[in-house]
């Protein structure tokens, strides 16, 4: 089997928000889009939030930098489906490059789409179950944490929706959309 290339960073100037995963999954890398596995709840949750004016899916990830000032990256750029196989040492080793990518983009907010990367990079800062804005900054951006949107984390969906709504308020996006 050929080695899958990683997903490119979808970053640039004038972003309000960057969503950050632990690493690209195999299905997302194969399709070339963030959160592209059909069982992942990221796109339905984002589409239901006031962060977007219209629903979007994985194929829209590249255009969101312009249409919604939203970018995407991962802490670790290695492709693997099960992020539990990314070690804490690998997360820490990737921190410098990750910080550089965020510093170059200078978004207003960074949202990690799982708590594990945050907890490894900022040990003892977040209490268990404390989703949302965290009491630290990251390269000048406010940093937010939401539960994973993978199919295995369905029980936390209401927290995902709440964090996205709070992010929208923080960014001044108050259009109300229905929750999926």
N, C-alpha and C. Protein backbone atom coordinates (compact mmCIF):
# COMPACT_ATOMS: atom_id res chain seq x y z
N UNK A 1 0.84 -1.19 0.00
CA UNK A 1 0.00 0.00 0.00
C UNK A 1 0.88 1.25 0.00
N UNK A 2 0.55 2.21 -0.83
CA UNK A 2 1.31 3.46 -0.92
C UNK A 2 1.09 4.29 0.34
N UNK A 3 2.13 5.00 0.74
CA UNK A 3 2.01 5.89 1.88
C UNK A 3 1.14 7.09 1.50
N UNK A 4 0.19 7.40 2.36
CA UNK A 4 -0.68 8.53 2.11
C UNK A 4 0.04 9.82 2.46
N UNK A 5 -0.12 10.82 1.62
CA UNK A 5 0.42 12.13 1.95
C UNK A 5 -0.49 12.78 2.98
N UNK A 6 0.04 13.73 3.66
CA UNK A 6 -0.74 14.42 4.68
C UNK A 6 -1.67 15.44 4.02
N UNK A 7 -2.57 15.98 4.80
CA UNK A 7 -3.42 17.07 4.31
C UNK A 7 -2.61 18.37 4.35
N UNK A 8 -2.80 19.22 3.36
CA UNK A 8 -2.10 20.51 3.41
C UNK A 8 -2.74 21.41 4.47
N UNK A 9 -1.94 22.27 5.05
CA UNK A 9 -2.50 23.28 5.95
C UNK A 9 -3.37 24.21 5.11
N UNK A 10 -4.53 24.53 5.60
CA UNK A 10 -5.41 25.49 4.93
C UNK A 10 -5.40 26.74 5.80
N UNK A 11 -4.32 27.48 5.68
CA UNK A 11 -4.05 28.64 6.50
C UNK A 11 -3.71 29.82 5.61
N UNK A 12 -3.88 30.99 6.13
CA UNK A 12 -3.54 32.19 5.38
C UNK A 12 -3.80 33.42 6.22
N UNK A 13 -3.60 34.58 5.64
CA UNK A 13 -3.81 35.82 6.38
C UNK A 13 -5.29 36.08 6.63
N UNK A 14 -5.56 36.90 7.61
CA UNK A 14 -6.92 37.39 7.89
C UNK A 14 -7.91 36.31 8.33
N UNK A 15 -7.42 35.23 8.93
CA UNK A 15 -8.34 34.23 9.46
C UNK A 15 -8.82 34.64 10.83
N UNK A 16 -10.08 34.39 11.09
CA UNK A 16 -10.62 34.59 12.43
C UNK A 16 -10.39 33.35 13.29
N UNK A 17 -10.47 32.17 12.67
CA UNK A 17 -10.53 30.92 13.40
C UNK A 17 -9.77 29.83 12.64
N UNK A 18 -9.03 29.01 13.39
CA UNK A 18 -8.38 27.84 12.82
C UNK A 18 -8.81 26.63 13.64
N UNK A 19 -9.37 25.62 12.96
CA UNK A 19 -9.70 24.35 13.60
C UNK A 19 -8.48 23.45 13.50
N UNK A 20 -8.18 22.76 14.60
CA UNK A 20 -6.96 21.96 14.69
C UNK A 20 -7.29 20.55 15.17
N UNK A 21 -6.94 19.56 14.36
CA UNK A 21 -7.07 18.17 14.77
C UNK A 21 -5.75 17.66 15.32
N UNK A 22 -5.78 16.46 15.89
CA UNK A 22 -4.54 15.85 16.35
C UNK A 22 -3.68 15.50 15.14
N UNK A 23 -4.27 14.82 14.15
CA UNK A 23 -3.58 14.39 12.94
C UNK A 23 -4.62 14.08 11.86
N UNK A 24 -4.20 14.06 10.59
CA UNK A 24 -5.15 13.70 9.54
C UNK A 24 -5.45 12.20 9.57
N UNK A 25 -6.72 11.86 9.44
CA UNK A 25 -7.11 10.46 9.32
C UNK A 25 -6.88 9.96 7.91
N UNK A 26 -6.80 8.65 7.75
CA UNK A 26 -6.54 8.06 6.43
C UNK A 26 -7.61 8.43 5.42
N UNK A 27 -8.87 8.35 5.81
CA UNK A 27 -9.96 8.66 4.87
C UNK A 27 -9.90 10.13 4.44
N UNK A 28 -9.64 11.03 5.39
CA UNK A 28 -9.54 12.45 5.05
C UNK A 28 -8.37 12.68 4.09
N UNK A 29 -7.23 12.03 4.35
CA UNK A 29 -6.07 12.18 3.46
C UNK A 29 -6.36 11.62 2.08
N UNK A 30 -7.05 10.49 2.02
CA UNK A 30 -7.41 9.90 0.72
C UNK A 30 -8.31 10.84 -0.09
N UNK A 31 -9.26 11.47 0.59
CA UNK A 31 -10.20 12.37 -0.08
C UNK A 31 -9.64 13.79 -0.24
N UNK A 32 -8.59 14.10 0.51
CA UNK A 32 -7.97 15.41 0.40
C UNK A 32 -8.71 16.53 1.10
N UNK A 33 -9.51 16.19 2.12
CA UNK A 33 -10.29 17.20 2.83
C UNK A 33 -10.32 16.90 4.33
N UNK A 34 -10.37 17.94 5.12
CA UNK A 34 -10.43 17.80 6.58
C UNK A 34 -11.78 17.23 7.02
N UNK A 35 -11.73 16.37 8.02
CA UNK A 35 -12.92 15.77 8.66
C UNK A 35 -13.84 15.11 7.62
N UNK A 36 -13.24 14.42 6.66
CA UNK A 36 -14.01 13.89 5.53
C UNK A 36 -14.60 12.50 5.75
N UNK A 37 -14.25 11.82 6.82
CA UNK A 37 -14.84 10.50 7.07
C UNK A 37 -16.34 10.68 7.27
N UNK A 38 -17.15 9.87 6.60
CA UNK A 38 -18.61 10.05 6.69
C UNK A 38 -19.17 9.93 8.11
N UNK A 39 -18.48 9.24 9.01
CA UNK A 39 -18.96 9.11 10.38
C UNK A 39 -18.57 10.26 11.29
N UNK A 40 -17.79 11.20 10.77
CA UNK A 40 -17.35 12.33 11.58
C UNK A 40 -18.45 13.39 11.61
N UNK A 41 -18.75 13.90 12.78
CA UNK A 41 -19.83 14.88 12.94
C UNK A 41 -19.39 16.33 12.83
N UNK A 42 -18.13 16.57 12.41
CA UNK A 42 -17.64 17.95 12.37
C UNK A 42 -18.48 18.83 11.44
N UNK A 43 -18.67 18.42 10.20
CA UNK A 43 -19.34 19.30 9.22
C UNK A 43 -20.81 19.54 9.54
N UNK A 44 -21.58 18.53 9.99
CA UNK A 44 -22.96 18.84 10.40
C UNK A 44 -23.00 19.83 11.57
N UNK A 45 -22.07 19.67 12.53
CA UNK A 45 -22.07 20.58 13.68
C UNK A 45 -21.67 21.99 13.25
N UNK A 46 -20.62 22.11 12.43
CA UNK A 46 -20.21 23.43 11.96
C UNK A 46 -21.31 24.08 11.13
N UNK A 47 -21.96 23.30 10.29
CA UNK A 47 -23.03 23.82 9.44
C UNK A 47 -24.22 24.32 10.25
N UNK A 48 -24.47 23.69 11.39
CA UNK A 48 -25.59 24.10 12.24
C UNK A 48 -25.25 25.31 13.11
N UNK A 49 -23.99 25.68 13.15
CA UNK A 49 -23.57 26.77 14.02
C UNK A 49 -23.69 28.13 13.32
N UNK A 50 -23.67 29.20 14.10
CA UNK A 50 -23.68 30.55 13.51
C UNK A 50 -22.33 30.95 12.89
N UNK A 51 -21.34 30.06 12.92
CA UNK A 51 -20.04 30.38 12.32
C UNK A 51 -20.12 30.44 10.80
N UNK A 52 -21.10 29.75 10.22
CA UNK A 52 -21.26 29.73 8.76
C UNK A 52 -22.60 30.32 8.37
N UNK A 53 -22.63 31.00 7.25
CA UNK A 53 -23.88 31.56 6.73
C UNK A 53 -24.71 30.51 6.00
N UNK A 54 -24.06 29.43 5.54
CA UNK A 54 -24.74 28.36 4.80
C UNK A 54 -24.06 27.04 5.14
N UNK A 55 -24.79 25.94 5.02
CA UNK A 55 -24.19 24.64 5.31
C UNK A 55 -22.96 24.38 4.44
N UNK A 56 -22.03 23.59 4.98
CA UNK A 56 -20.80 23.25 4.27
C UNK A 56 -20.43 21.80 4.57
N UNK A 57 -19.61 21.25 3.71
CA UNK A 57 -19.11 19.89 3.89
C UNK A 57 -17.62 19.86 3.64
N UNK A 58 -17.01 18.68 3.71
CA UNK A 58 -15.57 18.57 3.56
C UNK A 58 -15.03 19.21 2.28
N UNK A 59 -15.79 19.14 1.21
CA UNK A 59 -15.34 19.70 -0.07
C UNK A 59 -15.25 21.22 -0.04
N UNK A 60 -15.78 21.83 1.02
CA UNK A 60 -15.74 23.29 1.17
C UNK A 60 -14.58 23.78 2.03
N UNK A 61 -13.76 22.86 2.53
CA UNK A 61 -12.73 23.28 3.49
C UNK A 61 -11.78 24.32 2.91
N UNK A 62 -11.41 24.21 1.65
CA UNK A 62 -10.48 25.17 1.05
C UNK A 62 -11.10 26.56 0.86
N UNK A 63 -12.37 26.62 0.59
CA UNK A 63 -13.01 27.92 0.32
C UNK A 63 -13.36 28.68 1.60
N UNK A 64 -13.39 28.01 2.74
CA UNK A 64 -13.81 28.69 3.97
C UNK A 64 -12.85 29.77 4.43
N UNK A 65 -11.59 29.72 4.00
CA UNK A 65 -10.66 30.80 4.36
C UNK A 65 -11.18 32.14 3.82
N UNK A 66 -11.78 32.10 2.65
CA UNK A 66 -12.28 33.32 2.02
C UNK A 66 -13.71 33.61 2.46
N UNK A 67 -14.57 32.61 2.43
CA UNK A 67 -16.00 32.84 2.68
C UNK A 67 -16.34 33.01 4.16
N UNK A 68 -15.54 32.40 5.06
CA UNK A 68 -15.87 32.47 6.49
C UNK A 68 -14.67 32.77 7.38
N UNK A 69 -13.53 33.02 6.76
CA UNK A 69 -12.28 33.32 7.50
C UNK A 69 -11.92 32.21 8.48
N UNK A 70 -12.10 30.95 8.02
CA UNK A 70 -11.81 29.76 8.82
C UNK A 70 -10.74 28.93 8.12
N UNK A 71 -9.73 28.50 8.87
CA UNK A 71 -8.67 27.66 8.34
C UNK A 71 -8.60 26.34 9.08
N UNK A 72 -7.71 25.45 8.59
CA UNK A 72 -7.59 24.11 9.15
C UNK A 72 -6.12 23.67 9.17
N UNK A 73 -5.77 22.94 10.21
CA UNK A 73 -4.47 22.29 10.30
C UNK A 73 -4.57 21.17 11.34
N UNK A 74 -3.46 20.48 11.54
CA UNK A 74 -3.35 19.45 12.57
C UNK A 74 -2.07 19.70 13.35
N UNK A 75 -2.02 19.25 14.60
CA UNK A 75 -0.80 19.37 15.38
C UNK A 75 0.28 18.48 14.75
N UNK A 76 -0.05 17.23 14.53
CA UNK A 76 0.84 16.25 13.92
C UNK A 76 0.39 16.04 12.49
N UNK A 77 1.29 16.06 11.55
CA UNK A 77 0.89 15.95 10.13
C UNK A 77 0.94 14.51 9.61
N UNK A 78 1.28 13.53 10.47
CA UNK A 78 1.34 12.13 10.06
C UNK A 78 -0.07 11.58 9.91
N UNK A 79 -0.33 10.88 8.81
CA UNK A 79 -1.64 10.30 8.53
C UNK A 79 -1.79 8.96 9.25
N UNK A 80 -2.82 8.86 10.05
CA UNK A 80 -3.17 7.62 10.73
C UNK A 80 -4.61 7.76 11.20
N UNK A 81 -5.40 6.71 11.04
CA UNK A 81 -6.81 6.82 11.38
C UNK A 81 -7.06 6.92 12.87
N UNK A 82 -6.39 6.12 13.66
CA UNK A 82 -6.63 6.10 15.10
C UNK A 82 -5.65 7.05 15.79
N UNK A 83 -6.15 8.22 16.19
CA UNK A 83 -5.26 9.23 16.78
C UNK A 83 -4.67 8.79 18.12
N UNK A 84 -5.20 7.72 18.72
CA UNK A 84 -4.58 7.22 19.95
C UNK A 84 -3.20 6.63 19.66
N UNK A 85 -2.91 6.36 18.39
CA UNK A 85 -1.58 5.87 18.00
C UNK A 85 -0.56 7.00 17.85
N UNK A 86 -1.01 8.23 17.96
CA UNK A 86 -0.10 9.37 18.01
C UNK A 86 0.30 9.50 19.49
N UNK A 87 1.58 9.33 19.77
CA UNK A 87 2.03 9.36 21.16
C UNK A 87 2.08 10.80 21.69
N UNK A 88 2.07 10.90 23.00
CA UNK A 88 2.21 12.22 23.62
C UNK A 88 3.56 12.83 23.25
N UNK A 89 4.61 12.00 23.15
CA UNK A 89 5.92 12.49 22.73
C UNK A 89 5.87 13.06 21.32
N UNK A 90 5.11 12.41 20.41
CA UNK A 90 4.98 12.92 19.04
C UNK A 90 4.22 14.25 19.03
N UNK A 91 3.21 14.38 19.85
CA UNK A 91 2.49 15.65 19.96
C UNK A 91 3.43 16.75 20.43
N UNK A 92 4.20 16.47 21.48
CA UNK A 92 5.13 17.47 22.00
C UNK A 92 6.22 17.81 20.97
N UNK A 93 6.69 16.81 20.24
CA UNK A 93 7.72 17.05 19.22
C UNK A 93 7.20 17.88 18.06
N UNK A 94 5.90 17.85 17.82
CA UNK A 94 5.28 18.62 16.73
C UNK A 94 4.89 20.03 17.14
N UNK A 95 4.99 20.33 18.42
CA UNK A 95 4.50 21.61 18.93
C UNK A 95 5.19 22.82 18.29
N UNK A 96 6.48 22.78 18.12
CA UNK A 96 7.20 23.94 17.58
C UNK A 96 6.73 24.27 16.15
N UNK A 97 6.62 23.27 15.30
CA UNK A 97 6.15 23.50 13.92
C UNK A 97 4.70 23.98 13.93
N UNK A 98 3.90 23.40 14.80
CA UNK A 98 2.49 23.81 14.94
C UNK A 98 2.40 25.27 15.38
N UNK A 99 3.17 25.64 16.40
CA UNK A 99 3.19 27.03 16.87
C UNK A 99 3.60 27.98 15.73
N UNK A 100 4.58 27.59 14.95
CA UNK A 100 5.04 28.43 13.83
C UNK A 100 3.94 28.65 12.81
N UNK A 101 3.19 27.60 12.50
CA UNK A 101 2.09 27.73 11.53
C UNK A 101 1.02 28.68 12.05
N UNK A 102 0.69 28.57 13.34
CA UNK A 102 -0.33 29.45 13.92
C UNK A 102 0.19 30.88 14.01
N UNK A 103 1.43 31.05 14.44
CA UNK A 103 2.01 32.40 14.56
C UNK A 103 2.03 33.10 13.21
N UNK A 104 2.33 32.39 12.13
CA UNK A 104 2.38 32.99 10.80
C UNK A 104 1.00 33.40 10.31
N UNK A 105 -0.02 32.72 10.78
CA UNK A 105 -1.40 33.00 10.36
C UNK A 105 -2.06 34.07 11.23
N UNK A 106 -1.73 34.09 12.52
CA UNK A 106 -2.25 35.05 13.49
C UNK A 106 -3.78 35.13 13.51
N UNK A 107 -4.46 33.98 13.71
CA UNK A 107 -5.93 34.03 13.82
C UNK A 107 -6.35 34.62 15.16
N UNK A 108 -7.61 34.99 15.25
CA UNK A 108 -8.16 35.48 16.52
C UNK A 108 -8.38 34.33 17.49
N UNK A 109 -8.75 33.15 16.97
CA UNK A 109 -9.04 31.99 17.81
C UNK A 109 -8.52 30.72 17.16
N UNK A 110 -8.12 29.79 18.01
CA UNK A 110 -7.70 28.45 17.61
C UNK A 110 -8.58 27.49 18.37
N UNK A 111 -9.18 26.52 17.69
CA UNK A 111 -10.05 25.55 18.35
C UNK A 111 -9.53 24.15 18.08
N UNK A 112 -9.07 23.49 19.14
CA UNK A 112 -8.65 22.10 19.02
C UNK A 112 -9.89 21.22 19.04
N UNK A 113 -9.97 20.31 18.08
CA UNK A 113 -11.17 19.49 17.93
C UNK A 113 -11.07 18.18 18.69
N UNK A 114 -10.26 18.18 19.70
CA UNK A 114 -10.23 17.11 20.71
C UNK A 114 -9.43 17.66 21.89
N UNK A 115 -9.69 17.13 23.03
CA UNK A 115 -9.03 17.65 24.23
C UNK A 115 -7.62 17.10 24.42
N UNK A 116 -7.31 15.96 23.85
CA UNK A 116 -6.03 15.31 24.13
C UNK A 116 -4.84 16.17 23.75
N UNK A 117 -4.85 16.75 22.55
CA UNK A 117 -3.71 17.58 22.14
C UNK A 117 -3.54 18.77 23.08
N UNK A 118 -4.64 19.40 23.45
CA UNK A 118 -4.54 20.53 24.38
C UNK A 118 -3.95 20.07 25.71
N UNK A 119 -4.44 18.96 26.24
CA UNK A 119 -4.00 18.49 27.54
C UNK A 119 -2.52 18.09 27.54
N UNK A 120 -2.00 17.63 26.40
CA UNK A 120 -0.58 17.29 26.30
C UNK A 120 0.25 18.57 26.17
N UNK A 121 -0.19 19.52 25.36
CA UNK A 121 0.58 20.74 25.13
C UNK A 121 0.46 21.74 26.29
N UNK A 122 -0.65 21.67 27.02
CA UNK A 122 -0.88 22.57 28.17
C UNK A 122 -1.27 21.72 29.38
N UNK A 123 -0.32 20.96 29.92
CA UNK A 123 -0.68 20.07 31.04
C UNK A 123 -1.21 20.84 32.24
N UNK A 124 -2.22 20.25 32.86
CA UNK A 124 -2.82 20.74 34.11
C UNK A 124 -3.50 22.10 33.98
N UNK A 125 -3.86 22.51 32.76
CA UNK A 125 -4.57 23.78 32.57
C UNK A 125 -6.07 23.55 32.56
N UNK A 126 -6.52 22.51 31.86
CA UNK A 126 -7.95 22.27 31.65
C UNK A 126 -8.45 21.20 32.61
N UNK A 127 -9.55 21.48 33.26
CA UNK A 127 -10.22 20.48 34.08
C UNK A 127 -10.97 19.53 33.16
N UNK A 128 -11.10 18.29 33.56
CA UNK A 128 -11.83 17.30 32.76
C UNK A 128 -13.24 17.81 32.47
N UNK A 129 -13.63 17.76 31.21
CA UNK A 129 -14.96 18.21 30.81
C UNK A 129 -15.11 19.71 30.67
N UNK A 130 -14.03 20.46 30.82
CA UNK A 130 -14.08 21.93 30.67
C UNK A 130 -13.86 22.29 29.21
N UNK A 131 -14.94 22.28 28.44
CA UNK A 131 -14.88 22.58 27.02
C UNK A 131 -15.07 24.08 26.83
N UNK A 132 -14.55 24.59 25.74
CA UNK A 132 -14.72 26.00 25.43
C UNK A 132 -13.41 26.75 25.52
N UNK A 133 -13.52 28.06 25.79
CA UNK A 133 -12.33 28.91 25.86
C UNK A 133 -11.50 28.53 27.08
N UNK A 134 -10.19 28.47 26.87
CA UNK A 134 -9.28 28.08 27.94
C UNK A 134 -8.53 29.31 28.47
N UNK A 135 -8.01 29.21 29.70
CA UNK A 135 -7.40 30.39 30.33
C UNK A 135 -5.94 30.64 29.92
N UNK A 136 -5.60 30.32 28.68
CA UNK A 136 -4.27 30.58 28.14
C UNK A 136 -4.42 31.10 26.72
N UNK A 137 -3.39 31.76 26.23
CA UNK A 137 -3.37 32.19 24.82
C UNK A 137 -2.39 31.30 24.06
N UNK A 138 -2.52 31.28 22.76
CA UNK A 138 -1.65 30.46 21.92
C UNK A 138 -1.20 31.30 20.74
N UNK A 139 0.04 31.74 20.76
CA UNK A 139 0.59 32.57 19.68
C UNK A 139 -0.31 33.78 19.40
N UNK A 140 -0.83 34.39 20.46
CA UNK A 140 -1.66 35.58 20.34
C UNK A 140 -3.14 35.31 20.14
N UNK A 141 -3.52 34.06 19.94
CA UNK A 141 -4.92 33.71 19.71
C UNK A 141 -5.54 33.16 20.99
N UNK A 142 -6.84 33.38 21.15
CA UNK A 142 -7.53 32.68 22.23
C UNK A 142 -7.59 31.21 21.82
N UNK A 143 -7.54 30.33 22.79
CA UNK A 143 -7.55 28.91 22.46
C UNK A 143 -8.77 28.25 23.07
N UNK A 144 -9.41 27.44 22.26
CA UNK A 144 -10.65 26.77 22.60
C UNK A 144 -10.47 25.27 22.44
N UNK A 145 -11.24 24.52 23.20
CA UNK A 145 -11.21 23.06 23.11
C UNK A 145 -12.64 22.56 23.03
N UNK A 146 -12.87 21.65 22.09
CA UNK A 146 -14.17 21.00 22.02
C UNK A 146 -13.95 19.49 21.98
N UNK A 147 -14.97 18.72 22.31
CA UNK A 147 -14.82 17.27 22.22
C UNK A 147 -14.61 16.83 20.78
N UNK A 148 -14.03 15.67 20.64
CA UNK A 148 -13.84 15.09 19.32
C UNK A 148 -15.19 14.95 18.60
N UNK A 149 -15.16 15.10 17.30
CA UNK A 149 -16.37 14.91 16.49
C UNK A 149 -16.37 13.55 15.79
N UNK A 150 -15.42 12.69 16.17
CA UNK A 150 -15.37 11.36 15.55
C UNK A 150 -16.64 10.59 15.90
N UNK A 151 -16.93 9.58 15.12
CA UNK A 151 -18.11 8.76 15.36
C UNK A 151 -18.09 8.08 16.71
N UNK A 152 -16.91 7.91 17.30
CA UNK A 152 -16.80 7.26 18.61
C UNK A 152 -17.14 8.21 19.76
N UNK A 153 -17.32 9.48 19.49
CA UNK A 153 -17.55 10.47 20.55
C UNK A 153 -18.93 11.11 20.47
N UNK A 154 -19.89 10.40 19.96
CA UNK A 154 -21.24 10.95 19.75
C UNK A 154 -21.86 11.47 21.05
N UNK A 155 -21.54 10.85 22.16
CA UNK A 155 -22.16 11.24 23.44
C UNK A 155 -21.83 12.68 23.85
N UNK A 156 -20.82 13.29 23.22
CA UNK A 156 -20.42 14.65 23.58
C UNK A 156 -20.91 15.71 22.59
N UNK A 157 -21.79 15.34 21.67
CA UNK A 157 -22.21 16.26 20.61
C UNK A 157 -22.78 17.57 21.13
N UNK A 158 -23.57 17.52 22.22
CA UNK A 158 -24.15 18.78 22.70
C UNK A 158 -23.06 19.75 23.13
N UNK A 159 -21.94 19.25 23.62
CA UNK A 159 -20.83 20.13 24.00
C UNK A 159 -20.17 20.73 22.76
N UNK A 160 -20.09 19.95 21.68
CA UNK A 160 -19.54 20.47 20.42
C UNK A 160 -20.39 21.65 19.96
N UNK A 161 -21.70 21.47 19.94
CA UNK A 161 -22.61 22.54 19.50
C UNK A 161 -22.48 23.78 20.39
N UNK A 162 -22.36 23.58 21.69
CA UNK A 162 -22.23 24.71 22.61
C UNK A 162 -20.93 25.46 22.36
N UNK A 163 -19.82 24.74 22.20
CA UNK A 163 -18.53 25.40 21.97
C UNK A 163 -18.57 26.19 20.67
N UNK A 164 -19.14 25.62 19.61
CA UNK A 164 -19.22 26.34 18.34
C UNK A 164 -20.08 27.59 18.46
N UNK A 165 -21.16 27.51 19.22
CA UNK A 165 -22.01 28.69 19.43
C UNK A 165 -21.25 29.76 20.22
N UNK A 166 -20.50 29.36 21.23
CA UNK A 166 -19.72 30.32 22.02
C UNK A 166 -18.61 30.95 21.17
N UNK A 167 -17.99 30.15 20.31
CA UNK A 167 -16.98 30.69 19.40
C UNK A 167 -17.61 31.73 18.47
N UNK A 168 -18.80 31.43 17.97
CA UNK A 168 -19.49 32.38 17.08
C UNK A 168 -19.75 33.69 17.80
N UNK A 169 -20.19 33.62 19.04
CA UNK A 169 -20.42 34.84 19.83
C UNK A 169 -19.12 35.60 20.01
N UNK A 170 -18.05 34.90 20.38
CA UNK A 170 -16.74 35.52 20.57
C UNK A 170 -16.29 36.24 19.30
N UNK A 171 -16.56 35.64 18.14
CA UNK A 171 -16.14 36.22 16.86
C UNK A 171 -17.16 37.21 16.29
N UNK A 172 -18.26 37.44 17.00
CA UNK A 172 -19.26 38.41 16.56
C UNK A 172 -20.17 37.89 15.46
N UNK A 173 -20.33 36.60 15.40
CA UNK A 173 -21.22 35.99 14.40
C UNK A 173 -22.45 35.50 15.12
N UNK A 174 -23.52 36.25 14.98
CA UNK A 174 -24.71 35.97 15.79
C UNK A 174 -25.88 35.42 15.00
N UNK A 175 -25.70 35.14 13.72
CA UNK A 175 -26.78 34.54 12.94
C UNK A 175 -27.15 33.21 13.59
N UNK A 176 -28.43 32.98 13.82
CA UNK A 176 -28.86 31.76 14.48
C UNK A 176 -29.24 30.72 13.42
N UNK A 177 -28.64 29.54 13.57
CA UNK A 177 -28.95 28.41 12.69
C UNK A 177 -29.40 27.26 13.56
N UNK A 178 -30.14 26.33 13.00
CA UNK A 178 -30.62 25.17 13.74
C UNK A 178 -29.50 24.21 14.07
N UNK A 179 -29.67 23.43 15.12
CA UNK A 179 -28.69 22.42 15.52
C UNK A 179 -29.05 21.12 14.84
N UNK A 180 -28.05 20.51 14.18
CA UNK A 180 -28.27 19.25 13.47
C UNK A 180 -28.23 18.08 14.43
